[in-house]
C-alpha cells in the first residue's frame, strides 16, 4: 500500500512539473521581444526662394532627426516679385531645369527623403525638378511638402509622382507660406503618421 501511495505521489509530481515547464515555455514564447526595426535615415531636401520653405524644412529635420540639405543652383531670379513670378512661369512651361551647385553626401544611405518646394504656378520650382532628375530614388520613400500663399496642393504632388514614376511616396503635405514655419501640432501629427518622428 505504501509503495502504491509513493508511486502515485511520484506520478503526480512528475505531471505537475511537466505542466509548469510547459507553462513557462509558453510564457517565454509569447513574451519574446520582437526584433527592433531599423530606424529610418532621413534626408530633408528643399528649395526656398523667400525663406518660407526653408523654415518648414528645418522644423522637419529637427523633429525627424534628419539631415538638412538645401538645393542651390547657378540660376538667379529677379528680386522684384512680379518679375520673378513671370520668369518662373515661363521656365515651368518650358520644362527648364537649372544647373545644380550643391550635392547631398552619402545619398545612398537615406531611406526616406522629404522634398520641399514653394508652390509656383500650381507645381514645384524648376530647381526641385532639376534635383529630382539628377538622382536615383529607387528603394527610397519620397515625402513631398509644399509651402503656398493660398493655392494649396494644386498639381504639386501629382507632378512629382509623374516625374518619379514607380517610386514609393509617403503622404504629401502643404503648409501656408510664412517665415515662422509650420504649425507644430500639424507637423507632429503628419510625421507620426509617416513613422518619421524621432
N, C-alpha and C. Protein backbone atom coordinates (compact mmCIF):
# COMPACT_ATOMS: atom_id res chain seq x y z
N UNK A 1 0.84 -1.20 0.00
CA UNK A 1 0.00 0.00 0.00
C UNK A 1 0.87 1.24 0.00
N UNK A 2 1.92 1.21 0.82
CA UNK A 2 2.83 2.35 0.90
C UNK A 2 3.52 2.56 -0.42
N UNK A 3 3.89 1.42 -1.06
CA UNK A 3 4.57 1.52 -2.36
C UNK A 3 3.66 2.15 -3.38
N UNK A 4 2.40 1.75 -3.37
CA UNK A 4 1.41 2.30 -4.31
C UNK A 4 1.23 3.80 -4.09
N UNK A 5 1.18 4.19 -2.83
CA UNK A 5 0.99 5.61 -2.49
C UNK A 5 2.18 6.44 -2.98
N UNK A 6 3.40 5.89 -2.72
CA UNK A 6 4.61 6.61 -3.18
C UNK A 6 4.63 6.74 -4.69
N UNK A 7 4.21 5.69 -5.39
CA UNK A 7 4.21 5.71 -6.85
C UNK A 7 3.22 6.74 -7.37
N UNK A 8 2.05 6.80 -6.74
CA UNK A 8 1.03 7.77 -7.14
C UNK A 8 1.53 9.19 -6.90
N UNK A 9 2.21 9.39 -5.75
CA UNK A 9 2.73 10.72 -5.42
C UNK A 9 3.79 11.16 -6.43
N UNK A 10 4.67 10.20 -6.80
CA UNK A 10 5.74 10.50 -7.77
C UNK A 10 5.15 10.87 -9.12
N UNK A 11 4.12 10.10 -9.53
CA UNK A 11 3.47 10.36 -10.82
C UNK A 11 2.84 11.74 -10.84
N UNK A 12 2.15 12.11 -9.74
CA UNK A 12 1.51 13.43 -9.67
C UNK A 12 2.54 14.54 -9.71
N UNK A 13 3.68 14.37 -9.02
CA UNK A 13 4.72 15.39 -9.01
C UNK A 13 5.34 15.56 -10.39
N UNK A 14 5.53 14.44 -11.09
CA UNK A 14 6.11 14.48 -12.44
C UNK A 14 5.21 15.25 -13.38
N UNK A 15 3.89 14.96 -13.32
CA UNK A 15 2.92 15.63 -14.18
C UNK A 15 2.87 17.12 -13.86
N UNK A 16 2.93 17.44 -12.56
CA UNK A 16 2.86 18.83 -12.12
C UNK A 16 4.06 19.60 -12.64
N UNK A 17 5.26 18.99 -12.54
CA UNK A 17 6.47 19.65 -13.01
C UNK A 17 6.43 19.84 -14.52
N UNK A 18 5.92 18.87 -15.24
CA UNK A 18 5.82 18.97 -16.69
C UNK A 18 4.89 20.09 -17.09
N UNK A 19 3.79 20.21 -16.33
CA UNK A 19 2.82 21.27 -16.62
C UNK A 19 3.45 22.63 -16.40
N UNK A 20 4.23 22.76 -15.31
CA UNK A 20 4.89 24.04 -15.02
C UNK A 20 5.89 24.38 -16.10
N UNK A 21 6.63 23.35 -16.55
CA UNK A 21 7.62 23.58 -17.60
C UNK A 21 6.96 24.06 -18.87
N UNK A 22 5.85 23.42 -19.25
CA UNK A 22 5.12 23.82 -20.46
C UNK A 22 4.60 25.23 -20.34
N UNK A 23 4.09 25.58 -19.13
CA UNK A 23 3.56 26.92 -18.91
C UNK A 23 4.67 27.94 -19.04
N UNK A 24 5.86 27.59 -18.50
CA UNK A 24 6.98 28.51 -18.58
C UNK A 24 7.41 28.70 -20.01
N UNK A 25 7.45 27.62 -20.80
CA UNK A 25 7.82 27.69 -22.20
C UNK A 25 6.85 28.58 -22.97
N UNK A 26 5.55 28.40 -22.70
CA UNK A 26 4.54 29.19 -23.40
C UNK A 26 4.71 30.67 -23.08
N UNK A 27 4.98 30.98 -21.81
CA UNK A 27 5.15 32.37 -21.42
C UNK A 27 6.35 32.99 -22.09
N UNK A 28 7.40 32.24 -22.25
CA UNK A 28 8.62 32.74 -22.87
C UNK A 28 8.39 33.04 -24.34
N UNK A 29 7.62 32.17 -25.00
CA UNK A 29 7.38 32.34 -26.43
C UNK A 29 6.53 33.57 -26.69
N UNK A 30 5.47 33.74 -25.90
CA UNK A 30 4.57 34.87 -26.13
C UNK A 30 5.18 36.17 -25.64
N UNK A 31 6.15 36.05 -24.74
CA UNK A 31 6.75 37.27 -24.19
C UNK A 31 8.02 37.68 -24.89
N UNK A 32 8.37 37.04 -26.01
CA UNK A 32 9.59 37.39 -26.71
C UNK A 32 9.52 38.82 -27.23
N UNK A 33 10.62 39.54 -27.11
CA UNK A 33 10.69 40.91 -27.61
C UNK A 33 10.90 40.86 -29.11
N UNK A 34 10.04 41.51 -29.91
CA UNK A 34 10.22 41.49 -31.36
C UNK A 34 11.51 42.21 -31.75
N UNK A 35 12.08 41.77 -32.85
CA UNK A 35 13.30 42.40 -33.34
C UNK A 35 13.04 43.86 -33.66
N UNK A 36 13.86 44.74 -33.13
CA UNK A 36 13.67 46.18 -33.34
C UNK A 36 13.85 46.53 -34.81
N UNK A 37 12.94 47.35 -35.33
CA UNK A 37 13.03 47.78 -36.71
C UNK A 37 14.11 48.83 -36.84
N UNK A 38 14.90 48.74 -37.89
CA UNK A 38 15.98 49.69 -38.12
C UNK A 38 15.40 51.09 -38.32
N UNK A 39 15.88 52.07 -37.57
CA UNK A 39 15.35 53.44 -37.73
C UNK A 39 15.60 53.96 -39.15
N UNK A 40 14.65 54.71 -39.64
CA UNK A 40 14.81 55.30 -40.98
C UNK A 40 15.86 56.39 -40.93
N UNK A 41 16.69 56.44 -41.96
CA UNK A 41 17.64 57.53 -42.07
C UNK A 41 17.01 58.57 -42.99
N UNK A 42 16.83 59.77 -42.47
CA UNK A 42 16.02 60.79 -43.14
C UNK A 42 16.87 61.92 -43.70
N UNK A 43 16.55 62.30 -44.93
CA UNK A 43 17.15 63.47 -45.57
C UNK A 43 16.02 64.45 -45.90
N UNK A 44 16.21 65.71 -45.54
CA UNK A 44 15.21 66.74 -45.83
C UNK A 44 15.79 67.69 -46.87
N UNK A 45 15.32 67.55 -48.10
CA UNK A 45 15.80 68.33 -49.23
C UNK A 45 14.81 69.46 -49.49
N UNK A 46 15.31 70.66 -49.77
CA UNK A 46 14.37 71.75 -50.02
C UNK A 46 14.97 72.82 -50.93
N UNK A 47 14.10 73.52 -51.63
CA UNK A 47 14.46 74.75 -52.34
C UNK A 47 13.56 75.84 -51.78
N UNK A 48 14.17 76.98 -51.46
CA UNK A 48 13.40 78.07 -50.88
C UNK A 48 13.80 79.39 -51.52
N UNK A 49 12.82 80.15 -51.96
CA UNK A 49 13.09 81.46 -52.56
C UNK A 49 13.02 82.58 -51.52
N UNK A 50 11.96 82.55 -50.71
CA UNK A 50 11.74 83.64 -49.75
C UNK A 50 12.06 83.26 -48.31
N UNK A 51 12.33 81.99 -48.07
CA UNK A 51 12.64 81.53 -46.71
C UNK A 51 11.53 80.74 -46.06
N UNK A 52 10.33 80.74 -46.64
CA UNK A 52 9.20 80.02 -46.04
C UNK A 52 9.40 78.50 -46.07
N UNK A 53 9.82 77.99 -47.22
CA UNK A 53 10.04 76.55 -47.33
C UNK A 53 11.23 76.11 -46.47
N UNK A 54 12.22 76.96 -46.38
CA UNK A 54 13.38 76.66 -45.53
C UNK A 54 12.96 76.52 -44.07
N UNK A 55 12.07 77.39 -43.61
CA UNK A 55 11.62 77.34 -42.22
C UNK A 55 10.95 76.01 -41.90
N UNK A 56 10.10 75.54 -42.81
CA UNK A 56 9.42 74.26 -42.60
C UNK A 56 10.42 73.11 -42.68
N UNK A 57 11.34 73.17 -43.63
CA UNK A 57 12.34 72.11 -43.78
C UNK A 57 13.17 71.95 -42.52
N UNK A 58 13.53 73.06 -41.89
CA UNK A 58 14.31 72.99 -40.66
C UNK A 58 13.52 72.34 -39.54
N UNK A 59 12.23 72.63 -39.47
CA UNK A 59 11.37 72.01 -38.46
C UNK A 59 11.30 70.50 -38.67
N UNK A 60 11.14 70.09 -39.92
CA UNK A 60 11.04 68.66 -40.23
C UNK A 60 12.33 67.94 -39.86
N UNK A 61 13.46 68.52 -40.25
CA UNK A 61 14.75 67.90 -39.96
C UNK A 61 14.96 67.74 -38.46
N UNK A 62 14.57 68.74 -37.70
CA UNK A 62 14.74 68.66 -36.25
C UNK A 62 13.81 67.62 -35.63
N UNK A 63 12.54 67.62 -36.05
CA UNK A 63 11.56 66.71 -35.47
C UNK A 63 11.78 65.26 -35.88
N UNK A 64 12.33 65.05 -37.07
CA UNK A 64 12.54 63.69 -37.57
C UNK A 64 13.97 63.20 -37.38
N UNK A 65 14.82 64.06 -36.82
CA UNK A 65 16.21 63.67 -36.64
C UNK A 65 16.92 63.49 -37.97
N UNK A 66 16.52 64.30 -38.96
CA UNK A 66 17.06 64.15 -40.31
C UNK A 66 18.17 65.12 -40.64
N UNK A 67 18.80 64.90 -41.78
CA UNK A 67 19.84 65.77 -42.30
C UNK A 67 19.22 66.79 -43.23
N UNK A 68 19.58 68.04 -43.06
CA UNK A 68 19.02 69.13 -43.86
C UNK A 68 19.90 69.39 -45.08
N UNK A 69 19.27 69.54 -46.25
CA UNK A 69 20.03 69.81 -47.47
C UNK A 69 19.29 70.83 -48.33
N UNK A 70 19.97 71.91 -48.66
CA UNK A 70 19.37 72.96 -49.50
C UNK A 70 19.78 72.77 -50.95
N UNK A 71 18.80 72.79 -51.85
CA UNK A 71 19.06 72.75 -53.28
C UNK A 71 19.49 74.14 -53.72
N UNK A 72 20.68 74.25 -54.27
CA UNK A 72 21.15 75.52 -54.80
C UNK A 72 21.49 75.35 -56.28
N UNK A 73 21.36 76.43 -57.03
CA UNK A 73 21.63 76.39 -58.46
C UNK A 73 22.44 77.62 -58.87
N UNK A 74 22.93 77.59 -60.09
CA UNK A 74 23.65 78.74 -60.64
C UNK A 74 22.69 79.77 -61.20
N UNK A 75 21.41 79.47 -61.15
CA UNK A 75 20.38 80.30 -61.75
C UNK A 75 19.91 81.38 -60.77
N UNK A 76 19.63 82.56 -61.31
CA UNK A 76 19.19 83.67 -60.47
C UNK A 76 17.80 84.15 -60.91
N UNK A 77 17.04 84.67 -59.93
CA UNK A 77 15.74 85.27 -60.21
C UNK A 77 15.78 86.75 -59.86
N UNK A 78 14.97 87.54 -60.55
CA UNK A 78 14.89 88.97 -60.20
C UNK A 78 14.39 89.15 -58.77
N UNK A 79 14.82 90.22 -58.12
CA UNK A 79 14.37 90.49 -56.76
C UNK A 79 12.91 90.94 -56.73
N UNK A 80 12.48 91.64 -57.76
CA UNK A 80 11.09 92.10 -57.82
C UNK A 80 10.15 90.90 -57.96
N UNK A 81 9.12 90.84 -57.11
CA UNK A 81 8.25 89.66 -57.04
C UNK A 81 7.56 89.37 -58.37
N UNK A 82 6.96 90.39 -58.99
CA UNK A 82 6.23 90.17 -60.24
C UNK A 82 7.14 89.69 -61.36
N UNK A 83 8.34 90.26 -61.41
CA UNK A 83 9.30 89.82 -62.43
C UNK A 83 9.74 88.38 -62.18
N UNK A 84 9.92 88.04 -60.92
CA UNK A 84 10.32 86.68 -60.56
C UNK A 84 9.25 85.67 -60.95
N UNK A 85 7.99 85.96 -60.60
CA UNK A 85 6.92 85.00 -60.90
C UNK A 85 6.70 84.87 -62.41
N UNK A 86 6.89 85.96 -63.14
CA UNK A 86 6.76 85.91 -64.60
C UNK A 86 7.84 85.01 -65.20
N UNK A 87 9.07 85.16 -64.72
CA UNK A 87 10.17 84.33 -65.21
C UNK A 87 9.95 82.87 -64.84
N UNK A 88 9.52 82.63 -63.60
CA UNK A 88 9.28 81.26 -63.15
C UNK A 88 8.20 80.58 -63.99
N UNK A 89 7.17 81.32 -64.34
CA UNK A 89 6.10 80.75 -65.15
C UNK A 89 6.61 80.30 -66.51
N UNK A 90 7.43 81.12 -67.13
CA UNK A 90 7.99 80.77 -68.44
C UNK A 90 8.88 79.54 -68.34
N UNK A 91 9.67 79.47 -67.28
CA UNK A 91 10.57 78.33 -67.09
C UNK A 91 9.79 77.04 -66.87
N UNK A 92 8.76 77.09 -66.06
CA UNK A 92 7.94 75.91 -65.79
C UNK A 92 7.26 75.42 -67.07
N UNK A 93 6.73 76.34 -67.84
CA UNK A 93 6.07 75.97 -69.08
C UNK A 93 7.05 75.35 -70.08
N UNK A 94 8.30 75.78 -70.01
CA UNK A 94 9.32 75.26 -70.94
C UNK A 94 10.01 74.00 -70.42
N UNK A 95 9.70 73.61 -69.17
CA UNK A 95 10.36 72.44 -68.59
C UNK A 95 11.82 72.70 -68.25
N UNK A 96 12.15 73.94 -67.96
CA UNK A 96 13.53 74.32 -67.68
C UNK A 96 14.02 73.71 -66.37
N UNK A 97 15.27 73.22 -66.39
CA UNK A 97 15.90 72.66 -65.19
C UNK A 97 17.27 73.31 -65.03
N UNK A 98 17.45 74.15 -64.03
CA UNK A 98 18.72 74.84 -63.84
C UNK A 98 19.85 73.90 -63.41
N UNK A 99 21.08 74.37 -63.57
CA UNK A 99 22.24 73.59 -63.16
C UNK A 99 22.37 73.61 -61.64
N UNK A 100 22.52 72.44 -61.06
CA UNK A 100 22.65 72.33 -59.60
C UNK A 100 24.08 72.64 -59.16
N UNK A 101 24.20 73.32 -58.03
CA UNK A 101 25.52 73.66 -57.50
C UNK A 101 25.77 73.04 -56.11
N UNK A 102 24.86 72.21 -55.65
CA UNK A 102 25.04 71.53 -54.36
C UNK A 102 24.71 70.06 -54.53
N UNK A 103 25.31 69.23 -53.68
CA UNK A 103 25.14 67.78 -53.78
C UNK A 103 25.08 67.16 -52.39
N UNK A 104 24.06 66.36 -52.10
CA UNK A 104 23.98 65.72 -50.78
C UNK A 104 25.04 64.63 -50.64
N UNK A 105 25.61 64.54 -49.45
CA UNK A 105 26.60 63.50 -49.19
C UNK A 105 25.92 62.19 -48.80
N UNK A 106 26.53 61.09 -49.17
CA UNK A 106 26.05 59.75 -48.79
C UNK A 106 24.59 59.53 -49.19
N UNK A 107 24.26 59.92 -50.39
CA UNK A 107 22.89 59.81 -50.90
C UNK A 107 22.32 58.40 -50.74
N UNK A 108 23.14 57.40 -51.01
CA UNK A 108 22.66 56.02 -50.98
C UNK A 108 22.26 55.55 -49.59
N UNK A 109 22.67 56.25 -48.55
CA UNK A 109 22.39 55.81 -47.18
C UNK A 109 20.98 56.14 -46.70
N UNK A 110 20.28 57.03 -47.39
CA UNK A 110 19.00 57.52 -46.88
C UNK A 110 17.82 56.65 -47.32
N UNK A 111 16.92 56.41 -46.37
CA UNK A 111 15.73 55.59 -46.62
C UNK A 111 14.52 56.45 -46.98
N UNK A 112 14.42 57.61 -46.34
CA UNK A 112 13.27 58.50 -46.54
C UNK A 112 13.78 59.88 -46.91
N UNK A 113 13.24 60.42 -48.00
CA UNK A 113 13.68 61.73 -48.47
C UNK A 113 12.48 62.68 -48.55
N UNK A 114 12.46 63.67 -47.68
CA UNK A 114 11.47 64.73 -47.76
C UNK A 114 11.94 65.71 -48.83
N UNK A 115 11.02 66.12 -49.70
CA UNK A 115 11.37 67.06 -50.76
C UNK A 115 10.43 68.25 -50.69
N UNK A 116 11.00 69.44 -50.42
CA UNK A 116 10.18 70.62 -50.21
C UNK A 116 10.39 71.69 -51.28
N UNK A 117 9.30 72.37 -51.59
CA UNK A 117 9.33 73.42 -52.61
C UNK A 117 8.20 74.40 -52.37
N UNK A 118 8.39 75.66 -52.78
CA UNK A 118 7.23 76.54 -52.84
C UNK A 118 6.31 76.12 -53.99
N UNK A 119 5.05 76.39 -53.86
CA UNK A 119 4.10 76.15 -54.95
C UNK A 119 4.20 77.34 -55.91
N UNK A 120 4.75 77.07 -57.09
CA UNK A 120 4.86 78.10 -58.12
C UNK A 120 3.97 77.72 -59.30
N UNK A 121 2.98 78.51 -59.54
CA UNK A 121 2.07 78.29 -60.67
C UNK A 121 1.49 76.88 -60.65
N UNK A 122 1.14 76.41 -59.45
CA UNK A 122 0.45 75.13 -59.32
C UNK A 122 1.35 73.91 -59.29
N UNK A 123 2.66 74.11 -59.32
CA UNK A 123 3.59 72.98 -59.29
C UNK A 123 4.83 73.38 -58.49
N UNK A 124 5.88 72.56 -58.55
CA UNK A 124 7.07 72.87 -57.78
C UNK A 124 8.10 73.63 -58.62
N UNK A 125 9.07 74.21 -57.94
CA UNK A 125 10.06 75.07 -58.58
C UNK A 125 10.97 74.29 -59.53
N UNK A 126 11.47 74.93 -60.60
CA UNK A 126 12.39 74.27 -61.53
C UNK A 126 13.62 73.68 -60.86
N UNK A 127 14.11 74.31 -59.79
CA UNK A 127 15.28 73.78 -59.09
C UNK A 127 14.99 72.40 -58.50
N UNK A 128 13.78 72.20 -58.02
CA UNK A 128 13.39 70.90 -57.46
C UNK A 128 13.26 69.87 -58.58
N UNK A 129 12.71 70.29 -59.70
CA UNK A 129 12.61 69.38 -60.87
C UNK A 129 14.00 68.93 -61.30
N UNK A 130 14.96 69.85 -61.25
CA UNK A 130 16.33 69.50 -61.63
C UNK A 130 16.93 68.49 -60.65
N UNK A 131 16.66 68.67 -59.36
CA UNK A 131 17.17 67.75 -58.35
C UNK A 131 16.56 66.35 -58.54
N UNK A 132 15.27 66.30 -58.75
CA UNK A 132 14.59 65.00 -58.93
C UNK A 132 15.14 64.26 -60.14
N UNK A 133 15.51 65.00 -61.18
CA UNK A 133 16.03 64.39 -62.39
C UNK A 133 17.47 63.90 -62.23
N UNK A 134 18.17 64.45 -61.23
CA UNK A 134 19.60 64.17 -61.09
C UNK A 134 19.92 62.94 -60.25
N UNK A 135 18.94 62.44 -59.48
CA UNK A 135 19.23 61.37 -58.54
C UNK A 135 18.30 60.16 -58.72
N UNK A 136 18.82 59.01 -58.30
CA UNK A 136 18.06 57.76 -58.36
C UNK A 136 17.34 57.56 -57.02
N UNK A 137 16.02 57.53 -57.08
CA UNK A 137 15.21 57.40 -55.86
C UNK A 137 14.74 55.97 -55.61
N UNK A 138 15.24 55.03 -56.36
CA UNK A 138 14.84 53.64 -56.19
C UNK A 138 15.19 53.16 -54.79
N UNK A 139 14.24 52.52 -54.12
CA UNK A 139 14.46 52.00 -52.78
C UNK A 139 14.26 53.02 -51.67
N UNK A 140 13.89 54.24 -52.04
CA UNK A 140 13.66 55.29 -51.05
C UNK A 140 12.17 55.66 -51.02
N UNK A 141 11.73 56.20 -49.91
CA UNK A 141 10.39 56.74 -49.81
C UNK A 141 10.48 58.26 -49.90
N UNK A 142 9.78 58.82 -50.87
CA UNK A 142 9.79 60.27 -51.08
C UNK A 142 8.55 60.88 -50.42
N UNK A 143 8.77 61.91 -49.63
CA UNK A 143 7.67 62.59 -48.95
C UNK A 143 7.69 64.07 -49.36
N UNK A 144 6.76 64.48 -50.23
CA UNK A 144 6.76 65.87 -50.68
C UNK A 144 6.10 66.80 -49.66
N UNK A 145 6.60 68.02 -49.59
CA UNK A 145 5.91 69.06 -48.81
C UNK A 145 6.07 70.38 -49.55
N UNK A 146 5.03 71.20 -49.46
CA UNK A 146 4.99 72.44 -50.24
C UNK A 146 4.47 73.59 -49.38
N UNK A 147 5.04 74.77 -49.61
CA UNK A 147 4.52 75.98 -48.99
C UNK A 147 3.78 76.77 -50.06
N UNK A 148 2.80 77.54 -49.63
CA UNK A 148 1.97 78.23 -50.62
C UNK A 148 1.38 79.50 -50.02
N UNK A 149 0.92 80.36 -50.91
CA UNK A 149 0.30 81.61 -50.49
C UNK A 149 -1.20 81.58 -50.58
N UNK A 150 -1.78 80.37 -50.62
CA UNK A 150 -3.22 80.22 -50.70
C UNK A 150 -3.67 79.19 -51.72
N UNK A 151 -2.72 78.73 -52.55
CA UNK A 151 -3.07 77.78 -53.61
C UNK A 151 -3.17 76.34 -53.16
N UNK A 152 -2.63 76.01 -51.99
CA UNK A 152 -2.69 74.64 -51.50
C UNK A 152 -1.82 73.70 -52.33
N UNK A 153 -2.28 72.47 -52.50
CA UNK A 153 -1.51 71.45 -53.19
C UNK A 153 -1.51 71.63 -54.70
N UNK A 154 -2.68 71.94 -55.27
CA UNK A 154 -2.85 72.03 -56.72
C UNK A 154 -2.23 70.81 -57.42
N UNK A 155 -1.28 71.00 -58.35
CA UNK A 155 -0.71 69.87 -59.08
C UNK A 155 0.66 69.44 -58.56
N UNK A 156 1.07 69.99 -57.43
CA UNK A 156 2.43 69.74 -56.94
C UNK A 156 2.71 68.24 -56.73
N UNK A 157 1.88 67.58 -55.96
CA UNK A 157 2.10 66.16 -55.68
C UNK A 157 1.94 65.33 -56.94
N UNK A 158 0.91 65.61 -57.71
CA UNK A 158 0.67 64.85 -58.94
C UNK A 158 1.86 64.94 -59.89
N UNK A 159 2.40 66.13 -60.07
CA UNK A 159 3.52 66.32 -60.99
C UNK A 159 4.78 65.62 -60.50
N UNK A 160 4.99 65.63 -59.18
CA UNK A 160 6.17 64.96 -58.63
C UNK A 160 6.07 63.45 -58.80
N UNK A 161 4.89 62.91 -58.57
CA UNK A 161 4.70 61.46 -58.76
C UNK A 161 4.86 61.08 -60.24
N UNK A 162 4.48 61.99 -61.11
CA UNK A 162 4.64 61.73 -62.54
C UNK A 162 6.12 61.74 -62.92
N UNK A 163 6.88 62.68 -62.38
CA UNK A 163 8.31 62.75 -62.68
C UNK A 163 9.06 61.56 -62.09
N UNK A 164 8.63 61.11 -60.92
CA UNK A 164 9.28 59.98 -60.25
C UNK A 164 8.40 58.73 -60.32
N UNK A 165 7.95 58.41 -61.50
CA UNK A 165 7.06 57.26 -61.69
C UNK A 165 7.73 55.98 -61.18
N UNK A 166 6.97 55.19 -60.41
CA UNK A 166 7.47 53.93 -59.89
C UNK A 166 8.15 54.03 -58.54
N UNK A 167 8.31 55.25 -58.04
CA UNK A 167 8.96 55.46 -56.75
C UNK A 167 7.89 55.43 -55.65
N UNK A 168 8.26 54.94 -54.46
CA UNK A 168 7.35 54.91 -53.32
C UNK A 168 7.20 56.30 -52.72
N UNK A 169 5.95 56.70 -52.47
CA UNK A 169 5.67 58.02 -51.91
C UNK A 169 4.97 57.90 -50.57
N UNK A 170 5.34 58.80 -49.65
CA UNK A 170 4.60 58.98 -48.42
C UNK A 170 3.57 60.08 -48.62
N UNK A 171 2.72 60.28 -47.62
CA UNK A 171 1.66 61.28 -47.71
C UNK A 171 2.25 62.69 -47.81
N UNK A 172 1.86 63.42 -48.85
CA UNK A 172 2.35 64.78 -49.04
C UNK A 172 1.60 65.75 -48.13
N UNK A 173 2.22 66.90 -47.88
CA UNK A 173 1.61 67.90 -47.01
C UNK A 173 1.89 69.30 -47.55
N UNK A 174 0.94 70.21 -47.32
CA UNK A 174 1.13 71.61 -47.67
C UNK A 174 1.09 72.46 -46.41
N UNK A 175 1.81 73.56 -46.45
CA UNK A 175 1.85 74.49 -45.33
C UNK A 175 1.71 75.92 -45.85
N UNK A 176 0.90 76.74 -45.20
CA UNK A 176 0.81 78.15 -45.60
C UNK A 176 2.18 78.81 -45.50
N UNK A 177 2.53 79.56 -46.52
CA UNK A 177 3.84 80.20 -46.53
C UNK A 177 3.97 81.28 -45.48
N UNK A 178 4.89 81.09 -44.56
CA UNK A 178 5.17 82.10 -43.55
C UNK A 178 6.55 81.81 -42.97
N UNK A 179 7.25 82.86 -42.62
CA UNK A 179 8.62 82.71 -42.16
C UNK A 179 8.71 81.97 -40.83
N UNK A 180 7.60 81.92 -40.08
CA UNK A 180 7.59 81.24 -38.78
C UNK A 180 7.54 79.72 -38.93
N UNK A 181 7.29 79.23 -40.13
CA UNK A 181 7.25 77.79 -40.34
C UNK A 181 5.86 77.20 -40.16
N UNK A 182 5.81 75.88 -39.96
CA UNK A 182 4.55 75.14 -39.88
C UNK A 182 3.97 75.15 -38.48
N UNK A 183 2.66 74.91 -38.40
CA UNK A 183 2.01 74.69 -37.13
C UNK A 183 2.59 73.42 -36.51
N UNK A 184 3.07 73.51 -35.29
CA UNK A 184 3.81 72.40 -34.68
C UNK A 184 2.96 71.14 -34.47
N UNK A 185 1.70 71.32 -34.09
CA UNK A 185 0.83 70.16 -33.88
C UNK A 185 0.53 69.45 -35.20
N UNK A 186 0.29 70.24 -36.26
CA UNK A 186 0.04 69.67 -37.57
C UNK A 186 1.26 68.91 -38.07
N UNK A 187 2.40 69.50 -37.88
CA UNK A 187 3.65 68.88 -38.31
C UNK A 187 3.91 67.58 -37.55
N UNK A 188 3.71 67.61 -36.25
CA UNK A 188 3.96 66.43 -35.42
C UNK A 188 3.03 65.28 -35.79
N UNK A 189 1.75 65.59 -36.03
CA UNK A 189 0.78 64.55 -36.40
C UNK A 189 1.14 63.92 -37.75
N UNK A 190 1.57 64.75 -38.67
CA UNK A 190 1.96 64.26 -40.01
C UNK A 190 3.17 63.35 -39.92
N UNK A 191 4.19 63.76 -39.18
CA UNK A 191 5.40 62.94 -39.04
C UNK A 191 5.09 61.63 -38.32
N UNK A 192 4.21 61.67 -37.34
CA UNK A 192 3.83 60.45 -36.64
C UNK A 192 3.13 59.48 -37.57
N UNK A 193 2.28 60.01 -38.43
CA UNK A 193 1.57 59.17 -39.42
C UNK A 193 2.56 58.51 -40.38
N UNK A 194 3.62 59.22 -40.71
CA UNK A 194 4.63 58.70 -41.61
C UNK A 194 5.60 57.75 -40.93
N UNK A 195 5.57 57.73 -39.59
CA UNK A 195 6.53 56.94 -38.83
C UNK A 195 7.91 57.56 -38.85
N UNK A 196 7.94 58.90 -38.98
CA UNK A 196 9.21 59.60 -39.12
C UNK A 196 9.59 60.42 -37.90
N UNK A 197 8.70 60.47 -36.91
CA UNK A 197 9.01 61.25 -35.70
C UNK A 197 10.09 60.53 -34.91
N UNK A 198 11.09 61.27 -34.45
CA UNK A 198 12.18 60.62 -33.71
C UNK A 198 11.78 60.36 -32.26
